[in-house]
Protein backbone atom coordinates (compact mmCIF):
# COMPACT_ATOMS: atom_id res chain seq x y z
CA MET A 1 101.37 91.21 79.67
CA GLY A 2 104.34 88.39 80.13
CA HIS A 3 105.71 87.16 82.96
CA ARG A 4 108.82 88.95 82.39
CA ASP A 5 107.46 92.07 82.07
CA GLU A 6 105.82 92.06 85.26
CA VAL A 7 108.35 90.75 87.10
CA GLU A 8 110.17 93.36 85.92
CA ALA A 9 107.59 95.88 87.08
CA VAL A 10 107.60 93.94 90.63
CA ASP A 11 111.42 94.43 90.84
CA ALA A 12 111.72 98.43 89.59
CA GLU A 13 109.02 99.18 92.69
CA PHE A 14 110.89 96.57 95.24
CA SER A 15 114.45 99.01 94.65
CA LYS A 16 112.16 102.30 94.82
CA HIS A 17 110.91 100.90 98.00
CA PHE A 18 114.35 100.08 99.07
CA ASP A 19 115.84 102.97 98.28
CA ASN A 20 113.09 105.43 100.09
CA GLN A 21 114.48 102.48 103.23
CA ASP A 22 110.40 101.95 103.18
CA SER A 23 110.57 98.17 105.00
CA ALA A 24 106.67 98.05 105.10
CA SER A 25 106.42 98.73 101.35
CA VAL A 26 109.33 96.68 100.68
CA ALA A 27 107.70 93.66 102.56
CA SER A 28 104.00 94.50 100.91
CA MET A 29 105.86 92.97 97.81
CA TYR A 30 105.85 89.68 99.33
CA ALA A 31 102.90 87.40 100.06
CA ALA A 32 101.96 86.64 103.58
CA ASP A 33 103.52 83.38 103.84
CA ALA A 34 106.73 84.43 101.80
CA LYS A 35 109.90 82.74 102.68
CA LEU A 36 113.11 84.41 102.82
CA LEU A 37 116.57 82.48 102.62
CA PRO A 38 118.72 85.34 103.29
CA PRO A 39 123.04 84.42 103.35
CA GLY A 40 124.63 83.41 106.53
CA SER A 41 121.11 83.43 108.48
CA PRO A 42 118.18 81.41 109.04
CA LEU A 43 115.47 81.14 106.58
CA VAL A 44 112.98 84.53 107.82
CA GLU A 45 109.35 83.12 107.53
CA GLY A 46 106.35 86.09 106.59
CA ARG A 47 105.80 89.43 105.86
CA ASP A 48 105.83 90.89 109.14
CA ALA A 49 109.77 88.79 110.29
CA ILE A 50 110.44 90.15 106.36
CA ARG A 51 110.09 93.43 107.76
CA ALA A 52 111.69 93.30 110.32
CA PHE A 53 114.83 91.71 108.37
CA VAL A 54 114.58 94.48 106.40
CA ASP A 55 114.81 97.04 108.41
CA GLN A 56 118.57 95.40 109.83
CA MET A 57 119.78 96.03 106.66
CA PHE A 58 118.56 99.48 107.09
CA ALA A 59 120.17 100.13 109.85
CA ALA A 60 123.09 98.20 108.72
CA GLY A 61 123.42 100.56 106.32
CA ALA A 62 121.96 99.64 103.39
CA ARG A 63 121.35 102.74 101.04
CA SER A 64 120.20 101.78 97.40
CA LEU A 65 119.04 98.68 95.40
CA ARG A 66 119.56 97.74 91.64
CA LEU A 67 117.85 94.47 90.13
CA ASN A 68 118.87 93.41 86.72
CA THR A 69 116.59 90.38 85.30
CA MET A 70 118.54 88.01 83.40
CA ASP A 71 115.80 85.41 82.81
CA VAL A 72 111.88 84.59 83.91
CA ILE A 73 110.79 80.88 83.72
CA ASP A 74 107.54 81.08 83.07
CA ALA A 75 105.26 78.16 85.04
CA GLY A 76 101.98 79.31 84.85
CA ASP A 77 100.42 81.04 88.26
CA TYR A 78 104.12 81.31 89.07
CA ALA A 79 106.97 83.09 87.60
CA ILE A 80 110.93 82.01 88.38
CA GLU A 81 113.43 84.93 88.30
CA VAL A 82 116.51 84.41 87.95
CA GLY A 83 119.02 88.20 88.39
CA ASN A 84 121.88 89.92 89.50
CA PHE A 85 122.07 93.01 92.28
CA VAL A 86 124.15 95.63 93.10
CA MET A 87 123.41 96.75 96.64
CA GLY A 88 124.65 100.16 98.00
CA ILE A 89 126.05 100.08 101.95
CA GLU A 90 126.76 103.19 103.67
CA PRO A 91 127.84 101.13 106.72
CA PRO A 92 127.80 103.40 110.31
CA GLY A 93 131.62 104.92 110.77
CA ALA A 94 133.38 102.96 107.72
CA ASP A 95 133.76 104.09 104.00
CA PRO A 96 130.23 103.22 101.55
CA ILE A 97 130.86 99.47 99.70
CA GLN A 98 128.95 97.89 96.84
CA GLU A 99 128.00 94.22 97.57
CA VAL A 100 127.38 92.21 93.83
CA GLY A 101 125.39 88.88 93.90
CA LYS A 102 123.10 86.97 92.69
CA TYR A 103 119.24 85.31 93.02
CA VAL A 104 116.39 83.55 92.80
CA ALA A 105 112.78 85.11 93.36
CA ILE A 106 109.94 82.72 93.21
CA PHE A 107 106.35 84.92 92.03
CA GLY A 108 102.91 83.32 92.73
CA ARG A 109 100.22 84.70 91.09
CA GLN A 110 98.25 86.14 93.98
CA ALA A 111 94.26 85.57 94.55
CA ASP A 112 93.46 89.71 93.27
CA GLY A 113 95.86 88.95 90.53
CA SER A 114 99.02 90.45 91.67
CA LEU A 115 102.32 89.02 90.89
CA LYS A 116 104.40 88.45 94.61
CA LEU A 117 107.16 87.33 95.82
CA VAL A 118 106.72 83.65 97.77
CA VAL A 119 110.17 82.63 97.68
CA ASP A 120 113.04 84.92 97.77
CA THR A 121 116.88 83.90 98.09
CA PHE A 122 120.11 85.17 97.52
CA ASN A 123 124.00 85.84 97.95
CA MET A 124 126.82 87.81 97.73
CA ASP A 125 129.70 87.95 95.01
CA ALA A 126 132.05 90.47 96.48
CA SER A 127 132.09 93.88 97.94
CA TYR A 128 133.52 96.64 96.18
CA THR A 129 134.33 99.89 97.58
């Protein structure tokens, strides 16, 4: 299986866990010392902090996530993904919206052979109601 196939499989699993509002499983997609660089927020470092950040996203109304791989750069034990996303959000007391954006994710091969996120950053293009 090539890096692109592996990355797309990880993305599908990530979206499934996100849609199920399962922050522990979302966080398990990251390496223990991973770094998340969300827009408008400080660096989030480590799996526990990432889980807490994802819980905050869910509390703010994040409900669904569709990831689309645009490119994967094979870098040996690493894969660098460039993609775009659509996130469905149902903010408490407000109309549902869709956030559309893009991301760069760096995956690293783990000792057990799995591919996990080691660096993840994203930002939004626009909100659509």
